[in-house]
Amino acid sequence: MKEKVMGIMQRFSKAMFIPVLILPIAGILIAIGNLFTNARLLEVIPFLDNPITTGFGTILSGSLVSILVNLGLVFAVGLAVGLAKKKKSEAGFIAVLGYLVFINAMNRFMDLQGILVDGDLQGTGQTLVLGVQVLDMGVFLGIFLGIVTAFVHNRYAEKEFDNAFQIYGGTRFVFIVLIPVVVILAILFTYIWPFFQMGISNLGELINQSGNFGIFLYGLLERLLIPTGLHHLVYTPFLYTELGGVAEVAGEVFEGARNIYFAEIANPNGGLLAPSVIWDARGISKMFGLIGACLAMYHTAKPENKAKAKAILIPAAVTSFIAGVTEPIEFSFMFVAPILFVVHGVLSGLSMVVLNIFNVRAIGPNGFIDFLLYNVPLGTERTVWPMYIVVGLIFFVIYYFLFRFLITKFNFKTIGREVGNQETKLYSKKDYKEKKTKNDSEQKDNEEADLGLAHLIVEALGGENNIKTVTNCYSRLRLTVDNPENVDEQVLKNETGASGVIKKGENIQVVYGLQVTKIRKSVDHVLNRETTEE
């Protein structure tokens, strides 16, 4: 049962990537639009102060804020598509219909019960969703309806009828079943959701009352859950729901740290950003801390292994700093030295506490590029971003000296300190190609090498017949297999360049870093399966 629950949670986590990874694009474009309306920037670059450029900036940022106002619909469609096993596009379409049915059913029922509030809705627990007045369920409504839609879709999408009823089969039958389900849920939530609102409000107050300890615990768990692949389930509620704060910006009420931040950067003349954005200040360990850890691992490597350690660590460090993808580094010491991973989690939590103490409002969740685009256009007064860099440099030093001390004190076998034939690798595709081409022509093209690597991965996973499903996320190849004991972890790590392998029953995760999408396509090709967006 535990393994089944974990498998469901991992699939849900993967599906969450669809809406979550789209939202930063909106945020970046809002920031770009803000460049053309920022009063300080216009003073420095006067030629931008004209109706065309300022109008473009106003339209760009203003139009994209509408995505934040309708996050429920975004998550409903994204999760339905991500959780659907087949006919994903139709699942997304049905999710839209289900969402419309729900809000209108709730509105009509609330009207019949005489509980719709007249006038200003702020503080009443009610809001307008797509122009329809309903209980303010926020992004939870979208998440819940996305799950319900996917469940009904997976169960009935292939249901077919004979004779005159055949036109009502397939996904049309899914919608037929979904209508009464959604209407009943709308009625039930009219009575149930006020209690949830009270609970969420109390939980938010508890977290706020916990002060810096709550922030520390948040940062700690956000890192320690990396091995399970469920770490983003920690931060997502704080970024997109009431748990991450509630703020009114330009007459609109926004919930969640990320939503509040995006809304505020679209309001260029505002003051210091809301304190709640601290929940999105998770980048110190990515942009600075782990770079110090990499330097410590390099300096503690054996002299004869320093060249290899450098070749491995530099690409990993650059990836972490620029793109915020940390798993290749973390998996290099997570299993050989778990103490280092715990220390990493503790330092990540402490870095957020320090930022909060200094009232830093800058965010950097996905590396240095995001940091520049999000914070610099707003100026130093609104985000205090220079202090973010100062704190980052301090933690770079702390990571370096603490990791170096622990590695030497306990003789941890980190990169470059392996015993005998043991190897800890991050990116070894180049090594793999060199190994495969020793007895082959040096003119072998990259496509053949990729397929060769894919064949080796499939073999290490127990063969084609052992692999049931293949998906991927940002940095991991995610699979389900019939016999987990047939998976050869050593071959995956030492021969295919995997940074780590995680087994949870039939669920297998193999960490490859940013090259995982390419690897996944090659594996699908070897398995003769179509690559689909999960």
Protein backbone atom coordinates (compact mmCIF):
# COMPACT_ATOMS: atom_id res chain seq x y z
CA MET A 1 0.00 0.00 0.00
CA LYS A 2 2.85 2.37 0.89
CA GLU A 3 4.47 1.80 -2.51
CA LYS A 4 1.15 2.30 -4.29
CA VAL A 5 0.56 5.59 -2.49
CA MET A 6 4.10 6.71 -3.29
CA GLY A 7 3.54 5.86 -6.96
CA ILE A 8 0.35 7.92 -7.03
CA MET A 9 2.09 10.84 -5.33
CA GLN A 10 4.98 10.72 -7.78
CA ARG A 11 2.59 10.74 -10.74
CA PHE A 12 0.75 13.68 -9.22
CA SER A 13 4.06 15.47 -8.65
CA LYS A 14 5.01 14.94 -12.28
CA ALA A 15 1.64 16.25 -13.48
CA MET A 16 2.07 19.40 -11.38
CA PHE A 17 5.01 20.36 -13.55
CA ILE A 18 2.72 21.17 -16.49
CA PRO A 19 1.05 24.25 -14.94
CA VAL A 20 3.90 25.14 -12.55
CA LEU A 21 6.62 25.33 -15.21
CA ILE A 22 4.46 27.50 -17.48
CA LEU A 23 3.89 30.18 -14.85
CA PRO A 24 7.51 31.41 -14.64
CA ILE A 25 7.28 32.26 -18.35
CA ALA A 26 4.38 34.58 -17.55
CA GLY A 27 6.40 36.04 -14.71
CA ILE A 28 9.42 36.73 -16.91
CA LEU A 29 7.27 38.43 -19.54
CA ILE A 30 5.61 40.52 -16.83
CA ALA A 31 9.09 41.56 -15.71
CA ILE A 32 10.02 42.45 -19.30
CA GLY A 33 6.83 44.50 -19.64
CA ASN A 34 7.76 46.22 -16.41
CA LEU A 35 11.06 47.31 -17.95
CA PHE A 36 9.16 49.58 -20.32
CA THR A 37 7.12 51.19 -17.56
CA ASN A 38 9.70 51.44 -14.78
CA ALA A 39 10.06 55.11 -13.84
CA ARG A 40 13.69 54.79 -12.78
CA LEU A 41 14.68 53.01 -15.98
CA LEU A 42 12.90 55.63 -18.09
CA GLU A 43 14.98 58.31 -16.39
CA VAL A 44 18.18 56.47 -17.32
CA ILE A 45 17.05 55.62 -20.87
CA PRO A 46 14.85 58.58 -21.94
CA PHE A 47 14.15 57.33 -25.47
CA LEU A 48 12.04 54.50 -23.97
CA ASP A 49 9.70 57.10 -22.50
CA ASN A 50 7.22 57.24 -25.35
CA PRO A 51 3.63 56.06 -25.83
CA ILE A 52 4.62 53.09 -28.00
CA THR A 53 7.10 51.39 -25.65
CA THR A 54 5.30 52.26 -22.43
CA GLY A 55 2.00 51.16 -23.97
CA PHE A 56 3.59 47.87 -25.05
CA GLY A 57 4.91 47.30 -21.52
CA THR A 58 1.54 48.09 -19.96
CA ILE A 59 -0.30 45.72 -22.31
CA LEU A 60 2.27 42.92 -21.90
CA SER A 61 2.36 42.92 -18.10
CA GLY A 62 -1.33 43.72 -17.68
CA SER A 63 -2.52 40.97 -19.99
CA LEU A 64 -0.37 38.28 -18.40
CA VAL A 65 -1.60 39.12 -14.91
CA SER A 66 -4.91 37.62 -16.07
CA ILE A 67 -3.22 34.20 -15.93
CA LEU A 68 -2.59 34.69 -12.23
CA VAL A 69 -6.20 35.71 -11.63
CA ASN A 70 -7.41 32.46 -13.27
CA LEU A 71 -4.96 29.96 -11.84
CA GLY A 72 -7.77 27.57 -10.94
CA LEU A 73 -8.55 26.98 -14.61
CA VAL A 74 -4.84 26.72 -15.46
CA PHE A 75 -4.29 23.99 -12.86
CA ALA A 76 -7.50 22.16 -13.75
CA VAL A 77 -6.42 21.77 -17.37
CA GLY A 78 -2.75 21.15 -16.57
CA LEU A 79 -3.41 18.40 -14.05
CA ALA A 80 -6.08 16.73 -16.18
CA VAL A 81 -3.63 16.56 -19.09
CA GLY A 82 -0.77 15.42 -16.86
CA LEU A 83 -2.73 12.68 -15.09
CA ALA A 84 -4.61 11.40 -18.14
CA LYS A 85 -3.15 8.11 -19.40
CA LYS A 86 -4.57 8.44 -22.91
CA LYS A 87 -6.26 11.09 -25.07
CA LYS A 88 -4.62 13.87 -23.10
CA SER A 89 -5.81 16.76 -25.24
CA GLU A 90 -9.43 15.65 -24.85
CA ALA A 91 -8.94 15.35 -21.10
CA GLY A 92 -7.81 18.99 -21.02
CA PHE A 93 -10.84 20.09 -23.02
CA ILE A 94 -13.21 18.20 -20.71
CA ALA A 95 -11.49 19.78 -17.70
CA VAL A 96 -12.42 23.23 -19.04
CA LEU A 97 -16.05 22.14 -19.42
CA GLY A 98 -16.08 20.62 -15.95
CA TYR A 99 -14.63 23.79 -14.46
CA LEU A 100 -17.36 25.92 -16.10
CA VAL A 101 -20.09 23.55 -14.91
CA PHE A 102 -18.75 23.60 -11.35
CA ILE A 103 -18.57 27.36 -10.85
CA ASN A 104 -21.97 27.95 -12.40
CA ALA A 105 -23.57 25.09 -10.43
CA MET A 106 -22.15 26.51 -7.19
CA ASN A 107 -23.32 30.01 -8.09
CA ARG A 108 -26.88 28.85 -8.83
CA PHE A 109 -27.06 26.79 -5.64
CA MET A 110 -25.70 29.63 -3.50
CA ASP A 111 -28.27 31.92 -5.09
CA LEU A 112 -31.07 29.49 -4.26
CA GLN A 113 -29.81 29.32 -0.68
CA GLY A 114 -29.64 33.12 -0.49
CA ILE A 115 -26.01 33.18 0.61
CA LEU A 116 -24.50 35.23 -2.23
CA VAL A 117 -22.96 38.40 -0.85
CA ASP A 118 -23.87 41.76 -2.40
CA GLY A 119 -21.33 44.53 -2.90
CA ASP A 120 -17.64 44.30 -1.97
CA LEU A 121 -16.53 40.66 -1.72
CA GLN A 122 -13.22 41.27 0.01
CA GLY A 123 -13.02 39.35 3.29
CA THR A 124 -16.32 37.54 2.70
CA GLY A 125 -14.84 34.24 1.50
CA GLN A 126 -16.50 34.76 -1.89
CA THR A 127 -14.98 35.95 -5.16
CA LEU A 128 -15.57 36.24 -8.90
CA VAL A 129 -14.21 33.41 -11.05
CA LEU A 130 -14.53 34.10 -14.78
CA GLY A 131 -17.21 36.63 -13.84
CA VAL A 132 -19.18 34.12 -11.73
CA GLN A 133 -19.56 34.70 -7.98
CA VAL A 134 -18.63 31.60 -5.98
CA LEU A 135 -16.82 30.62 -2.79
CA ASP A 136 -13.16 31.59 -2.99
CA MET A 137 -11.53 28.16 -3.39
CA GLY A 138 -8.45 29.58 -5.09
CA VAL A 139 -6.13 27.24 -6.95
CA PHE A 140 -7.40 24.30 -4.89
CA LEU A 141 -10.52 24.22 -7.06
CA GLY A 142 -8.42 23.75 -10.17
CA ILE A 143 -6.23 21.08 -8.56
CA PHE A 144 -9.25 19.18 -7.26
CA LEU A 145 -11.22 19.33 -10.52
CA GLY A 146 -8.10 18.38 -12.50
CA ILE A 147 -7.75 15.22 -10.39
CA VAL A 148 -11.46 14.38 -10.59
CA THR A 149 -11.53 14.91 -14.35
CA ALA A 150 -8.45 12.73 -14.87
CA PHE A 151 -9.91 9.97 -12.67
CA VAL A 152 -13.20 9.88 -14.58
CA HIS A 153 -11.37 10.22 -17.90
CA ASN A 154 -9.00 7.31 -17.23
CA ARG A 155 -11.89 5.13 -16.16
CA TYR A 156 -14.33 5.82 -19.03
CA ALA A 157 -12.36 7.31 -21.94
CA GLU A 158 -12.41 3.98 -23.80
CA LYS A 159 -15.97 3.04 -22.93
CA GLU A 160 -17.85 2.28 -26.15
CA PHE A 161 -21.51 1.48 -26.91
CA ASP A 162 -23.24 -0.35 -29.72
CA ASN A 163 -26.07 0.74 -31.98
CA ALA A 164 -27.62 4.18 -31.51
CA PHE A 165 -25.65 4.94 -28.35
CA GLN A 166 -22.24 4.59 -29.94
CA ILE A 167 -21.95 8.36 -30.51
CA TYR A 168 -22.00 8.79 -26.72
CA GLY A 169 -18.99 6.58 -26.11
CA GLY A 170 -15.37 7.47 -25.46
CA THR A 171 -14.58 10.93 -24.13
CA ARG A 172 -18.17 12.06 -24.69
CA PHE A 173 -19.22 9.52 -22.09
CA VAL A 174 -16.57 10.95 -19.78
CA PHE A 175 -18.30 14.32 -19.94
CA ILE A 176 -21.71 12.72 -19.40
CA VAL A 177 -20.45 11.05 -16.23
CA LEU A 178 -18.58 14.14 -15.12
CA ILE A 179 -21.61 16.47 -15.19
CA PRO A 180 -23.55 14.99 -12.23
CA VAL A 181 -20.30 14.38 -10.34
CA VAL A 182 -19.27 18.02 -10.67
CA VAL A 183 -22.74 19.37 -9.83
CA ILE A 184 -22.91 17.25 -6.67
CA LEU A 185 -19.41 18.34 -5.68
CA ALA A 186 -20.36 22.00 -6.20
CA ILE A 187 -23.29 21.59 -3.81
CA LEU A 188 -21.22 19.70 -1.22
CA PHE A 189 -18.39 22.23 -1.29
CA THR A 190 -20.87 25.03 -0.69
CA TYR A 191 -21.27 23.58 2.80
CA ILE A 192 -17.80 22.05 3.29
CA TRP A 193 -15.45 24.71 1.94
CA PRO A 194 -16.09 27.36 4.63
CA PHE A 195 -14.56 24.93 7.15
CA PHE A 196 -11.56 24.48 4.84
CA GLN A 197 -11.25 28.25 4.59
CA MET A 198 -11.11 28.46 8.36
CA GLY A 199 -8.53 25.66 8.54
CA ILE A 200 -6.32 27.16 5.84
CA SER A 201 -6.49 30.52 7.53
CA ASN A 202 -5.50 29.00 10.88
CA LEU A 203 -2.64 27.04 9.29
CA GLY A 204 -1.36 30.19 7.61
CA GLU A 205 -1.50 31.99 10.94
CA LEU A 206 0.37 29.13 12.62
CA ILE A 207 3.13 29.32 10.02
CA ASN A 208 3.32 33.08 10.33
CA GLN A 209 3.43 32.80 14.11
CA SER A 210 6.29 30.32 13.80
CA GLY A 211 8.34 33.14 12.36
CA ASN A 212 11.84 32.28 11.30
CA PHE A 213 11.52 28.71 12.56
CA GLY A 214 8.66 28.13 10.13
CA ILE A 215 10.75 29.57 7.30
CA PHE A 216 13.70 27.36 8.30
CA LEU A 217 11.52 24.24 8.37
CA TYR A 218 10.10 25.13 4.95
CA GLY A 219 13.57 25.53 3.41
CA LEU A 220 14.82 22.34 5.08
CA LEU A 221 11.97 20.14 3.84
CA GLU A 222 12.09 21.65 0.35
CA ARG A 223 15.60 20.17 0.02
CA LEU A 224 15.32 16.97 2.07
CA LEU A 225 12.42 15.70 -0.05
CA ILE A 226 14.56 15.79 -3.21
CA PRO A 227 15.18 11.99 -3.08
CA THR A 228 11.46 11.25 -3.22
CA GLY A 229 10.82 13.60 -6.12
CA LEU A 230 8.05 15.19 -4.04
CA HIS A 231 9.90 18.31 -2.92
CA HIS A 232 7.83 20.66 -5.06
CA LEU A 233 4.73 19.52 -3.18
CA VAL A 234 6.19 21.44 -0.24
CA TYR A 235 6.64 24.77 -1.96
CA THR A 236 3.80 24.75 -4.49
CA PRO A 237 1.03 25.47 -1.91
CA PHE A 238 3.05 28.39 -0.55
CA LEU A 239 3.62 29.81 -4.03
CA TYR A 240 0.06 29.54 -5.32
CA THR A 241 -2.37 29.31 -2.38
CA GLU A 242 -3.37 31.23 0.74
CA LEU A 243 -0.64 29.42 2.72
CA GLY A 244 1.89 31.70 1.04
CA GLY A 245 0.09 34.90 1.99
CA VAL A 246 -2.72 37.12 0.74
CA ALA A 247 -2.20 40.63 -0.63
CA GLU A 248 -4.23 43.21 -2.50
CA VAL A 249 -2.41 44.65 -5.52
CA ALA A 250 -3.98 47.34 -7.70
CA GLY A 251 -7.46 46.42 -6.47
CA GLU A 252 -7.05 42.66 -7.07
CA VAL A 253 -6.55 40.13 -4.27
CA PHE A 254 -3.80 37.57 -4.90
CA GLU A 255 -2.93 34.44 -2.95
CA GLY A 256 0.48 32.78 -2.80
CA ALA A 257 4.01 34.17 -2.81
CA ARG A 258 4.64 33.73 -6.55
CA ASN A 259 1.29 35.19 -7.56
CA ILE A 260 1.77 38.17 -5.26
CA TYR A 261 5.26 38.75 -6.62
CA PHE A 262 4.16 38.63 -10.26
CA ALA A 263 1.25 40.95 -9.50
CA GLU A 264 3.49 43.42 -7.71
CA ILE A 265 6.14 43.55 -10.44
CA ALA A 266 3.34 44.49 -12.83
CA ASN A 267 2.75 47.48 -10.54
CA PRO A 268 6.08 49.31 -11.12
CA ASN A 269 5.42 52.24 -8.81
CA GLY A 270 4.74 50.17 -5.72
CA GLY A 271 6.88 50.09 -2.58
CA LEU A 272 8.80 47.28 -0.92
CA LEU A 273 7.40 43.93 -2.00
CA ALA A 274 5.21 41.88 0.34
CA PRO A 275 7.00 39.85 3.06
CA SER A 276 5.31 36.68 1.78
CA VAL A 277 7.62 36.55 -1.26
CA ILE A 278 10.22 35.05 1.09
CA TRP A 279 8.64 31.66 0.33
CA ASP A 280 10.04 31.98 -3.19
CA ALA A 281 13.56 32.99 -2.08
CA ARG A 282 14.88 29.45 -2.42
CA GLY A 283 17.83 30.08 -4.70
CA ILE A 284 20.75 30.73 -2.32
CA SER A 285 21.74 27.06 -2.17
CA LYS A 286 21.36 26.71 -5.95
CA MET A 287 23.23 29.82 -7.04
CA PHE A 288 25.88 29.97 -4.32
CA GLY A 289 25.83 27.17 -1.76
CA LEU A 290 26.24 24.17 -4.01
CA ILE A 291 28.94 25.98 -5.97
CA GLY A 292 30.90 26.14 -2.72
CA ALA A 293 30.19 22.45 -2.19
CA CYS A 294 31.53 21.66 -5.66
CA LEU A 295 34.71 23.63 -4.94
CA ALA A 296 35.12 21.73 -1.67
CA MET A 297 34.73 18.39 -3.45
CA TYR A 298 37.29 19.44 -6.05
CA HIS A 299 39.86 20.56 -3.46
CA THR A 300 39.42 17.34 -1.46
CA ALA A 301 39.71 15.07 -4.51
CA LYS A 302 42.81 12.90 -4.82
CA PRO A 303 45.56 14.59 -6.89
CA GLU A 304 45.35 11.95 -9.62
CA ASN A 305 41.56 12.45 -9.88
CA LYS A 306 41.40 16.25 -9.91
CA ALA A 307 41.18 16.51 -13.69
CA LYS A 308 38.24 14.10 -13.76
CA ALA A 309 36.58 15.86 -10.81
CA LYS A 310 36.93 19.22 -12.56
CA ALA A 311 35.41 17.87 -15.78
CA ILE A 312 32.43 16.54 -13.83
CA LEU A 313 31.87 19.37 -11.35
CA ILE A 314 32.19 22.42 -13.59
CA PRO A 315 29.23 21.55 -15.89
CA ALA A 316 27.16 20.59 -12.84
CA ALA A 317 27.99 23.82 -11.03
CA VAL A 318 27.20 25.95 -14.09
CA THR A 319 23.87 24.15 -14.52
CA SER A 320 22.96 24.77 -10.89
CA PHE A 321 23.98 28.43 -11.01
CA ILE A 322 22.40 29.33 -14.33
CA ALA A 323 19.32 27.08 -14.49
CA GLY A 324 18.74 26.13 -10.83
CA VAL A 325 18.89 22.37 -11.56
CA THR A 326 20.67 21.01 -8.48
CA GLU A 327 20.00 17.29 -8.52
CA PRO A 328 23.16 16.25 -10.41
CA ILE A 329 25.25 17.78 -7.62
CA GLU A 330 23.02 16.63 -4.79
CA PHE A 331 22.94 13.05 -6.02
CA SER A 332 26.73 12.97 -6.17
CA PHE A 333 26.90 13.04 -2.35
CA MET A 334 23.37 12.18 -1.24
CA PHE A 335 24.02 8.45 -0.96
CA VAL A 336 27.77 8.30 -0.35
CA ALA A 337 27.55 10.94 2.42
CA PRO A 338 23.97 11.45 3.69
CA ILE A 339 25.27 13.75 6.43
CA LEU A 340 26.31 16.23 3.74
CA PHE A 341 22.80 16.16 2.32
CA VAL A 342 21.26 16.87 5.71
CA VAL A 343 23.73 19.73 6.22
CA HIS A 344 22.76 21.02 2.78
CA GLY A 345 19.09 21.03 3.80
CA VAL A 346 19.85 22.81 7.08
CA LEU A 347 21.92 25.49 5.33
CA SER A 348 19.20 25.98 2.71
CA GLY A 349 16.66 26.64 5.46
CA LEU A 350 19.04 28.97 7.33
CA SER A 351 19.72 30.99 4.17
CA MET A 352 16.01 31.78 3.87
CA VAL A 353 15.90 32.84 7.52
CA VAL A 354 18.84 35.23 6.97
CA LEU A 355 17.12 36.74 3.92
CA ASN A 356 13.99 37.29 5.98
CA ILE A 357 15.94 38.94 8.80
CA PHE A 358 17.40 41.45 6.33
CA ASN A 359 13.98 42.05 4.70
CA VAL A 360 15.22 40.81 1.32
CA ARG A 361 12.39 40.57 -1.20
CA ALA A 362 14.37 39.23 -4.16
CA ILE A 363 13.60 35.76 -5.48
CA GLY A 364 15.79 33.33 -7.42
CA PRO A 365 14.00 29.99 -7.63
CA ASN A 366 15.43 28.86 -10.97
CA GLY A 367 18.97 30.19 -11.09
CA PHE A 368 20.78 33.36 -12.02
CA ILE A 369 18.88 34.09 -15.24
CA ASP A 370 15.56 34.18 -13.39
CA PHE A 371 17.20 36.21 -10.62
CA LEU A 372 18.25 38.91 -13.08
CA LEU A 373 14.97 39.04 -14.96
CA TYR A 374 12.77 39.06 -11.87
CA ASN A 375 14.65 41.40 -9.56
CA VAL A 376 17.00 43.82 -11.30
CA PRO A 377 14.27 45.70 -13.26
CA LEU A 378 12.48 46.49 -9.99
CA GLY A 379 15.46 48.30 -8.51
CA THR A 380 17.23 47.81 -5.21
CA GLU A 381 14.66 49.58 -3.02
CA ARG A 382 11.78 47.24 -3.81
CA THR A 383 13.65 43.92 -3.71
CA VAL A 384 16.91 44.65 -1.81
CA TRP A 385 18.52 42.27 -4.31
CA PRO A 386 22.16 43.31 -3.62
CA MET A 387 21.78 41.90 -0.09
CA TYR A 388 20.60 38.64 -1.67
CA ILE A 389 23.97 38.38 -3.42
CA VAL A 390 25.84 39.29 -0.22
CA VAL A 391 24.01 36.54 1.69
CA GLY A 392 24.69 34.15 -1.18
CA LEU A 393 28.43 34.82 -1.07
CA ILE A 394 28.46 34.27 2.70
CA PHE A 395 26.75 30.92 2.27
CA PHE A 396 29.16 30.04 -0.54
CA VAL A 397 31.97 30.35 2.02
CA ILE A 398 30.02 28.44 4.69
CA TYR A 399 29.22 25.59 2.29
CA TYR A 400 32.82 25.42 1.13
CA PHE A 401 34.49 25.22 4.53
CA LEU A 402 31.83 23.04 6.15
CA PHE A 403 31.75 20.55 3.27
CA ARG A 404 35.54 20.48 3.09
CA PHE A 405 35.82 19.84 6.84
CA LEU A 406 33.21 17.07 6.86
CA ILE A 407 34.59 15.36 3.74
CA THR A 408 38.11 15.18 5.17
CA LYS A 409 37.00 14.49 8.76
CA PHE A 410 34.84 11.49 7.86
CA ASN A 411 36.68 10.55 4.64
CA PHE A 412 33.52 10.69 2.56
CA LYS A 413 33.96 9.19 -0.90
CA THR A 414 32.77 12.18 -2.85
CA ILE A 415 33.79 12.90 -6.44
CA GLY A 416 37.49 12.28 -6.93
CA ARG A 417 37.84 10.32 -3.67
CA GLU A 418 36.46 6.99 -4.90
CA VAL A 419 38.01 3.69 -3.86
CA GLY A 420 39.28 1.33 -6.55
CA ASN A 421 36.89 1.10 -9.48
CA GLN A 422 34.08 2.92 -7.64
CA GLU A 423 33.00 6.04 -9.49
CA THR A 424 30.59 8.82 -8.67
CA LYS A 425 29.50 10.55 -11.84
CA LEU A 426 27.29 13.45 -12.85
CA TYR A 427 27.62 13.79 -16.59
CA SER A 428 29.38 10.89 -18.23
CA LYS A 429 27.76 10.73 -21.63
CA LYS A 430 31.04 11.94 -23.11
CA ASP A 431 32.85 9.14 -21.27
CA TYR A 432 30.28 6.68 -22.56
CA LYS A 433 30.78 7.80 -26.16
CA GLU A 434 34.54 7.50 -25.84
CA LYS A 435 34.16 4.00 -24.46
CA LYS A 436 31.80 2.95 -27.23
CA THR A 437 33.95 4.36 -30.01
CA LYS A 438 37.30 2.85 -29.01
CA ASN A 439 36.76 -0.07 -31.38
CA ASP A 440 34.41 1.74 -33.73
CA SER A 441 34.79 4.46 -36.31
CA GLU A 442 35.42 7.93 -34.90
CA GLN A 443 32.89 9.18 -37.47
CA LYS A 444 29.93 7.60 -35.68
CA ASP A 445 27.33 10.36 -35.46
CA ASN A 446 25.62 11.55 -32.30
CA GLU A 447 22.34 9.90 -33.12
CA GLU A 448 23.90 6.43 -33.16
CA ALA A 449 25.67 7.18 -29.90
CA ASP A 450 22.40 8.31 -28.31
CA LEU A 451 20.67 5.11 -29.43
CA GLY A 452 23.59 3.08 -28.13
CA LEU A 453 23.23 4.77 -24.77
CA ALA A 454 19.48 4.17 -24.83
CA HIS A 455 20.00 0.45 -25.53
CA LEU A 456 22.34 0.25 -22.56
CA ILE A 457 19.81 2.05 -20.34
CA VAL A 458 17.00 -0.29 -21.41
CA GLU A 459 19.21 -3.31 -20.73
CA ALA A 460 20.16 -1.96 -17.30
CA LEU A 461 16.45 -1.47 -16.53
CA GLY A 462 15.84 -5.17 -17.01
CA GLY A 463 15.07 -5.18 -20.71
CA GLU A 464 12.18 -4.02 -22.84
CA ASN A 465 9.70 -6.48 -21.34
CA ASN A 466 10.42 -5.24 -17.83
CA ILE A 467 9.59 -1.59 -18.59
CA LYS A 468 5.92 -0.65 -18.30
CA THR A 469 5.94 3.15 -18.58
CA VAL A 470 8.51 5.85 -19.33
CA THR A 471 8.16 9.55 -18.52
CA ASN A 472 10.49 12.31 -17.49
CA CYS A 473 10.57 15.58 -15.57
CA TYR A 474 13.17 18.36 -15.44
CA SER A 475 16.07 16.09 -14.60
CA ARG A 476 14.80 12.54 -14.02
CA LEU A 477 13.82 9.60 -16.16
CA ARG A 478 10.74 8.21 -14.37
CA LEU A 479 9.68 4.64 -15.03
CA THR A 480 7.50 1.84 -13.73
CA VAL A 481 8.80 -1.71 -14.09
CA ASP A 482 7.47 -5.21 -13.45
CA ASN A 483 10.52 -6.47 -11.55
CA PRO A 484 12.52 -3.77 -9.71
CA GLU A 485 15.14 -6.33 -8.70
CA ASN A 486 16.18 -6.63 -12.36
CA VAL A 487 17.28 -2.97 -12.45
CA ASP A 488 21.09 -2.69 -12.41
CA GLU A 489 21.89 0.51 -10.50
CA GLN A 490 25.65 0.21 -10.98
CA VAL A 491 25.37 0.05 -14.77
CA LEU A 492 22.99 3.03 -14.78
CA LYS A 493 25.41 5.06 -12.67
CA ASN A 494 28.78 3.94 -14.00
CA GLU A 495 27.94 3.21 -17.64
CA THR A 496 25.12 5.58 -18.60
CA GLY A 497 26.06 8.68 -16.63
CA ALA A 498 23.19 8.67 -14.12
CA SER A 499 23.76 10.82 -11.04
CA GLY A 500 21.50 8.66 -8.93
CA VAL A 501 18.87 5.91 -8.98
CA ILE A 502 15.82 5.90 -6.71
CA LYS A 503 13.67 2.80 -6.21
CA LYS A 504 10.21 2.97 -4.68
CA GLY A 505 8.64 -0.40 -5.39
CA GLU A 506 7.83 -0.52 -9.09
CA ASN A 507 8.62 3.19 -9.48
CA ILE A 508 12.15 3.92 -10.64
CA GLN A 509 13.74 7.36 -11.02
CA VAL A 510 17.07 7.77 -12.81
CA VAL A 511 18.68 11.22 -12.54
CA TYR A 512 20.38 12.49 -15.73
CA GLY A 513 20.16 16.26 -15.37
CA LEU A 514 19.19 18.60 -18.22
CA GLN A 515 19.90 15.97 -20.89
CA VAL A 516 17.04 13.78 -19.64
CA THR A 517 14.54 14.84 -22.34
CA LYS A 518 16.91 13.74 -25.10
CA ILE A 519 17.63 10.48 -23.31
CA ARG A 520 13.93 9.81 -22.78
CA LYS A 521 13.24 10.22 -26.53
CA SER A 522 16.06 7.82 -27.38
CA VAL A 523 14.74 5.26 -24.88
CA ASP A 524 11.24 5.58 -26.35
CA HIS A 525 12.73 5.03 -29.80
CA VAL A 526 14.49 1.86 -28.66
CA LEU A 527 11.27 0.63 -27.06
CA ASN A 528 9.35 1.55 -30.22
CA ARG A 529 6.98 3.73 -28.21
CA GLU A 530 5.65 7.16 -28.98
CA THR A 531 7.06 9.96 -26.82
CA THR A 532 4.12 11.80 -25.24
CA GLU A 533 3.91 14.67 -22.78
CA GLU A 534 2.97 13.18 -19.41
